[in-house]
């Protein structure tokens, strides 16, 4: 069963390891940043470490709205967050009861994520009857082009995995393969035909994907998968010079079916 209707005004602050994002620090109005180049291995780590060091905060600190919408009703279990950035999605998942493995190429981003988690745990522990709340997140530095999880998960989420240098196909195949039987795959990205009129993303169409391309590349039309959501959702964004546009994000949620008895 799929959802095909477009929905307006939903996503405000995508946060992820790669690509174009909608809110760097100080852009709570939904500003869309320019595309980012990502390279492989140690080079990618150095590039992203330098980029994170250039600003005290890169992303909004809020979980991606499509994650909240699509995962909010799922029963918590083990989750994998690919390209976790400064950790907002992973922290939100942990607060919902998930045990999270959060992976990013940047050690600087992960240091910030740990700090944000520590602050969140301190706030929660103040109001917890049982005292201090323990961490539910394992933070891991890795290049997604090479990394393999070595485990399976009840939820695997990839939010806005777009890169000029890193092909999305390999990491997202890894994501799909890491979903356990009965688990959920959630992929959110910018629609290639609904990018804003500013920025450099139009010169790098290979960075972006449609739901149909995801289904074909990841084999989600096979007998072991059930497509739950396959749609695009519109939302307004503001450019670096104050211009306004409406873009669209693709949202794909699929369940890996349990094995037949």
Protein backbone atom coordinates (compact mmCIF):
# COMPACT_ATOMS: atom_id res chain seq x y z
CA UNK A 1 0.00 0.00 0.00
CA UNK A 2 1.45 3.35 -1.03
CA UNK A 3 0.76 6.99 -0.28
CA UNK A 4 0.87 9.19 -3.37
CA UNK A 5 -0.73 12.50 -2.42
CA UNK A 6 1.54 15.49 -2.01
CA UNK A 7 1.54 17.30 1.33
CA UNK A 8 2.56 20.89 1.87
CA UNK A 9 4.59 22.77 4.45
CA UNK A 10 5.95 19.83 6.41
CA UNK A 11 9.75 19.62 6.43
CA UNK A 12 11.75 22.48 7.87
CA UNK A 13 15.17 21.31 9.01
CA UNK A 14 16.75 18.29 7.32
CA UNK A 15 19.94 17.20 9.06
CA UNK A 16 22.29 14.63 7.57
CA UNK A 17 25.87 13.79 6.69
CA UNK A 18 25.76 14.66 3.00
CA UNK A 19 24.33 16.97 0.39
CA UNK A 20 21.84 19.80 0.44
CA UNK A 21 20.12 20.72 3.67
CA UNK A 22 17.42 23.13 4.59
CA UNK A 23 18.63 24.81 7.70
CA UNK A 24 22.05 25.63 8.84
CA UNK A 25 22.40 27.58 12.07
CA UNK A 26 20.36 30.74 12.08
CA UNK A 27 18.09 29.55 9.26
CA UNK A 28 15.03 28.45 11.18
CA UNK A 29 12.84 29.83 8.41
CA UNK A 30 13.65 26.92 6.13
CA UNK A 31 16.58 28.37 4.19
CA UNK A 32 18.05 25.94 1.66
CA UNK A 33 21.83 25.68 1.66
CA UNK A 34 23.98 25.12 -1.40
CA UNK A 35 25.06 21.64 -2.47
CA UNK A 36 28.11 20.17 -0.73
CA UNK A 37 30.92 18.14 -2.27
CA UNK A 38 31.87 14.94 -0.49
CA UNK A 39 34.87 12.77 -1.30
CA UNK A 40 35.81 9.28 -0.18
CA UNK A 41 37.70 7.88 2.79
CA UNK A 42 40.05 10.05 4.82
CA UNK A 43 39.55 12.94 2.37
CA UNK A 44 35.81 13.00 3.05
CA UNK A 45 36.41 12.98 6.79
CA UNK A 46 38.84 15.90 6.54
CA UNK A 47 36.51 17.92 4.32
CA UNK A 48 33.55 17.46 6.63
CA UNK A 49 35.60 18.05 9.77
CA UNK A 50 36.77 21.38 8.31
CA UNK A 51 33.25 22.32 7.33
CA UNK A 52 31.87 21.60 10.79
CA UNK A 53 34.73 23.54 12.41
CA UNK A 54 33.83 26.56 10.25
CA UNK A 55 30.56 27.06 12.15
CA UNK A 56 29.57 26.52 15.77
CA UNK A 57 26.43 24.72 14.57
CA UNK A 58 25.76 23.36 11.08
CA UNK A 59 22.16 22.15 11.29
CA UNK A 60 19.04 23.16 13.17
CA UNK A 61 19.21 20.73 16.10
CA UNK A 62 15.67 19.51 15.35
CA UNK A 63 14.75 16.04 14.06
CA UNK A 64 13.72 15.81 10.42
CA UNK A 65 9.93 16.15 10.25
CA UNK A 66 9.50 13.24 7.83
CA UNK A 67 11.31 10.99 10.30
CA UNK A 68 9.02 12.15 13.08
CA UNK A 69 5.95 11.57 10.92
CA UNK A 70 6.96 8.16 9.56
CA UNK A 71 8.70 6.64 12.59
CA UNK A 72 6.57 8.17 15.33
CA UNK A 73 4.08 5.29 15.28
CA UNK A 74 6.60 2.45 15.05
CA UNK A 75 7.35 0.15 17.97
CA UNK A 76 10.86 1.00 19.24
CA UNK A 77 13.66 -1.48 18.74
CA UNK A 78 17.13 -1.18 17.20
CA UNK A 79 17.63 1.71 14.76
CA UNK A 80 20.41 2.70 12.36
CA UNK A 81 20.83 6.37 11.40
CA UNK A 82 23.07 6.70 8.32
CA UNK A 83 24.74 10.11 8.09
CA UNK A 84 23.65 11.33 11.52
CA UNK A 85 25.35 14.76 11.39
CA UNK A 86 25.09 16.57 14.71
CA UNK A 87 22.73 13.94 16.03
CA UNK A 88 19.24 15.44 16.15
CA UNK A 89 17.52 12.44 14.53
CA UNK A 90 19.40 9.88 16.61
CA UNK A 91 18.65 11.76 19.83
CA UNK A 92 14.96 11.98 18.94
CA UNK A 93 14.83 8.25 18.18
CA UNK A 94 16.50 7.45 21.52
CA UNK A 95 13.97 9.64 23.31
CA UNK A 96 11.21 7.53 21.74
CA UNK A 97 12.78 4.38 23.18
CA UNK A 98 14.97 3.21 20.28
CA UNK A 99 18.48 1.82 20.75
CA UNK A 100 20.39 3.69 18.04
CA UNK A 101 23.56 3.18 16.04
CA UNK A 102 24.38 6.58 14.53
CA UNK A 103 27.07 6.78 11.84
CA UNK A 104 28.76 9.80 10.28
CA UNK A 105 31.98 10.53 8.39
CA UNK A 106 32.89 13.53 10.56
CA UNK A 107 34.47 13.11 13.98
CA UNK A 108 33.75 16.78 14.68
CA UNK A 109 30.04 16.26 14.01
CA UNK A 110 30.01 13.21 16.25
CA UNK A 111 31.68 15.12 19.08
CA UNK A 112 28.89 17.68 18.82
CA UNK A 113 26.30 14.92 18.68
CA UNK A 114 27.65 13.36 21.87
CA UNK A 115 27.59 16.77 23.54
CA UNK A 116 23.99 17.37 22.44
CA UNK A 117 22.99 13.93 23.69
CA UNK A 118 24.68 14.55 27.04
CA UNK A 119 22.75 17.80 27.44
CA UNK A 120 19.48 16.11 26.47
CA UNK A 121 20.06 13.28 28.96
CA UNK A 122 20.81 15.78 31.71
CA UNK A 123 17.54 17.60 31.02
CA UNK A 124 15.56 14.36 30.97
CA UNK A 125 17.20 13.01 34.12
CA UNK A 126 16.08 16.05 36.12
CA UNK A 127 12.47 14.96 35.62
CA UNK A 128 13.02 11.19 35.77
CA UNK A 129 11.77 9.43 38.88
CA UNK A 130 14.48 6.76 38.55
CA UNK A 131 17.33 9.27 38.37
CA UNK A 132 19.94 9.54 35.66
CA UNK A 133 18.94 8.22 32.22
CA UNK A 134 21.54 6.17 30.37
CA UNK A 135 22.51 6.66 26.75
CA UNK A 136 20.75 4.61 24.08
CA UNK A 137 23.05 5.74 21.25
CA UNK A 138 26.27 4.30 19.89
CA UNK A 139 28.09 6.96 17.85
CA UNK A 140 30.36 5.62 15.10
CA UNK A 141 32.70 7.41 12.68
CA UNK A 142 32.86 5.81 9.22
CA UNK A 143 32.84 6.50 5.50
CA UNK A 144 29.45 5.32 4.26
CA UNK A 145 30.94 4.29 0.93
CA UNK A 146 32.90 1.54 2.70
CA UNK A 147 31.06 0.90 5.97
CA UNK A 148 29.05 -2.25 6.63
CA UNK A 149 26.91 -2.47 9.78
CA UNK A 150 27.49 -6.12 10.70
CA UNK A 151 24.02 -6.26 12.27
CA UNK A 152 20.35 -5.94 11.34
CA UNK A 153 17.90 -3.32 12.56
CA UNK A 154 14.20 -2.76 13.15
CA UNK A 155 14.52 0.69 11.54
CA UNK A 156 17.10 2.01 9.10
CA UNK A 157 16.77 5.69 8.25
CA UNK A 158 18.65 7.77 5.67
CA UNK A 159 17.75 11.46 5.46
CA UNK A 160 18.97 13.57 2.51
CA UNK A 161 21.93 11.43 1.45
CA UNK A 162 23.06 13.60 -1.48
CA UNK A 163 26.67 14.01 -2.58
CA UNK A 164 28.55 15.15 -5.67
CA UNK A 165 31.29 12.57 -5.15
CA UNK A 166 29.66 9.71 -3.24
CA UNK A 167 27.11 7.76 -5.28
CA UNK A 168 23.94 7.17 -3.30
CA UNK A 169 23.36 3.67 -4.65
CA UNK A 170 25.96 1.85 -2.53
CA UNK A 171 25.13 3.35 0.88
CA UNK A 172 21.39 2.96 0.31
CA UNK A 173 21.83 -0.67 -0.75
CA UNK A 174 23.70 -1.12 2.53
CA UNK A 175 20.78 0.55 4.30
CA UNK A 176 18.21 -1.77 2.75
CA UNK A 177 20.30 -4.87 3.45
CA UNK A 178 20.54 -3.89 7.14
CA UNK A 179 16.75 -4.00 7.70
CA UNK A 180 15.72 -7.13 9.57
CA UNK A 181 12.63 -9.17 8.73
CA UNK A 182 9.61 -7.20 9.89
CA UNK A 183 11.69 -4.00 10.03
CA UNK A 184 11.34 -0.63 8.30
CA UNK A 185 13.44 1.23 5.74
CA UNK A 186 12.91 5.00 5.57
CA UNK A 187 14.61 7.13 2.89
CA UNK A 188 13.98 10.86 2.49
CA UNK A 189 15.62 13.08 -0.12
CA UNK A 190 15.22 16.11 -2.36
CA UNK A 191 13.16 15.45 -5.50
CA UNK A 192 15.44 15.96 -8.55
CA UNK A 193 12.72 17.80 -10.49
CA UNK A 194 11.75 20.10 -7.63
CA UNK A 195 15.03 21.71 -6.59
CA UNK A 196 15.15 25.44 -5.79
CA UNK A 197 16.16 27.92 -8.51
CA UNK A 198 19.32 28.88 -6.59
CA UNK A 199 22.29 26.73 -5.57
CA UNK A 200 24.42 24.29 -7.52
CA UNK A 201 22.32 21.14 -7.28
CA UNK A 202 21.07 21.41 -10.85
CA UNK A 203 24.56 20.65 -12.16
CA UNK A 204 24.69 17.40 -10.20
CA UNK A 205 21.44 15.60 -10.98
CA UNK A 206 23.07 12.26 -10.22
CA UNK A 207 23.08 13.24 -6.56
CA UNK A 208 19.29 13.02 -6.37
CA UNK A 209 16.76 10.22 -6.82
CA UNK A 210 13.07 9.61 -7.22
CA UNK A 211 11.02 7.03 -5.35
CA UNK A 212 10.80 4.93 -8.51
CA UNK A 213 14.59 4.96 -8.85
CA UNK A 214 14.96 3.91 -5.21
CA UNK A 215 12.49 1.06 -5.65
CA UNK A 216 14.32 -0.23 -8.71
CA UNK A 217 17.86 0.19 -7.35
CA UNK A 218 17.12 -1.35 -3.95
CA UNK A 219 14.86 -4.12 -5.24
CA UNK A 220 11.94 -2.92 -3.13
CA UNK A 221 9.43 -4.25 -5.67
CA UNK A 222 10.51 -7.80 -4.82
CA UNK A 223 8.49 -10.32 -2.82
CA UNK A 224 10.27 -9.66 0.50
CA UNK A 225 9.28 -5.97 0.63
CA UNK A 226 6.01 -4.11 1.09
CA UNK A 227 5.92 -0.44 0.11
CA UNK A 228 4.06 1.59 2.76
CA UNK A 229 4.76 5.16 1.61
CA UNK A 230 6.01 6.24 -1.82
CA UNK A 231 5.36 9.92 -2.33
CA UNK A 232 6.67 13.46 -2.69
CA UNK A 233 5.77 16.24 -0.24
CA UNK A 234 5.98 19.92 -1.00
CA UNK A 235 7.29 22.57 1.36
CA UNK A 236 8.32 26.22 1.16
CA UNK A 237 11.96 27.24 1.49
CA UNK A 238 13.85 30.51 1.62
CA UNK A 239 17.07 31.13 -0.32
CA UNK A 240 20.29 32.78 0.87
CA UNK A 241 19.14 36.20 -0.40
CA UNK A 242 15.62 35.90 0.93
CA UNK A 243 14.02 34.45 -2.20
CA UNK A 244 11.11 32.05 -1.78
CA UNK A 245 10.35 28.80 -3.56
CA UNK A 246 8.42 25.59 -3.13
CA UNK A 247 10.43 22.40 -3.39
CA UNK A 248 9.52 18.75 -2.87
CA UNK A 249 11.04 15.90 -0.93
CA UNK A 250 10.66 12.24 -1.81
CA UNK A 251 9.60 9.98 1.06
CA UNK A 252 9.85 6.22 0.83
CA UNK A 253 8.97 3.84 3.66
CA UNK A 254 9.05 0.08 3.14
CA UNK A 255 8.69 -2.97 5.36
CA UNK A 256 10.81 -6.08 4.92
CA UNK A 257 8.23 -8.83 5.26
CA UNK A 258 8.62 -11.57 7.86
CA UNK A 259 9.68 -14.96 6.58
CA UNK A 260 6.83 -17.26 5.66
CA UNK A 261 6.33 -20.19 8.09
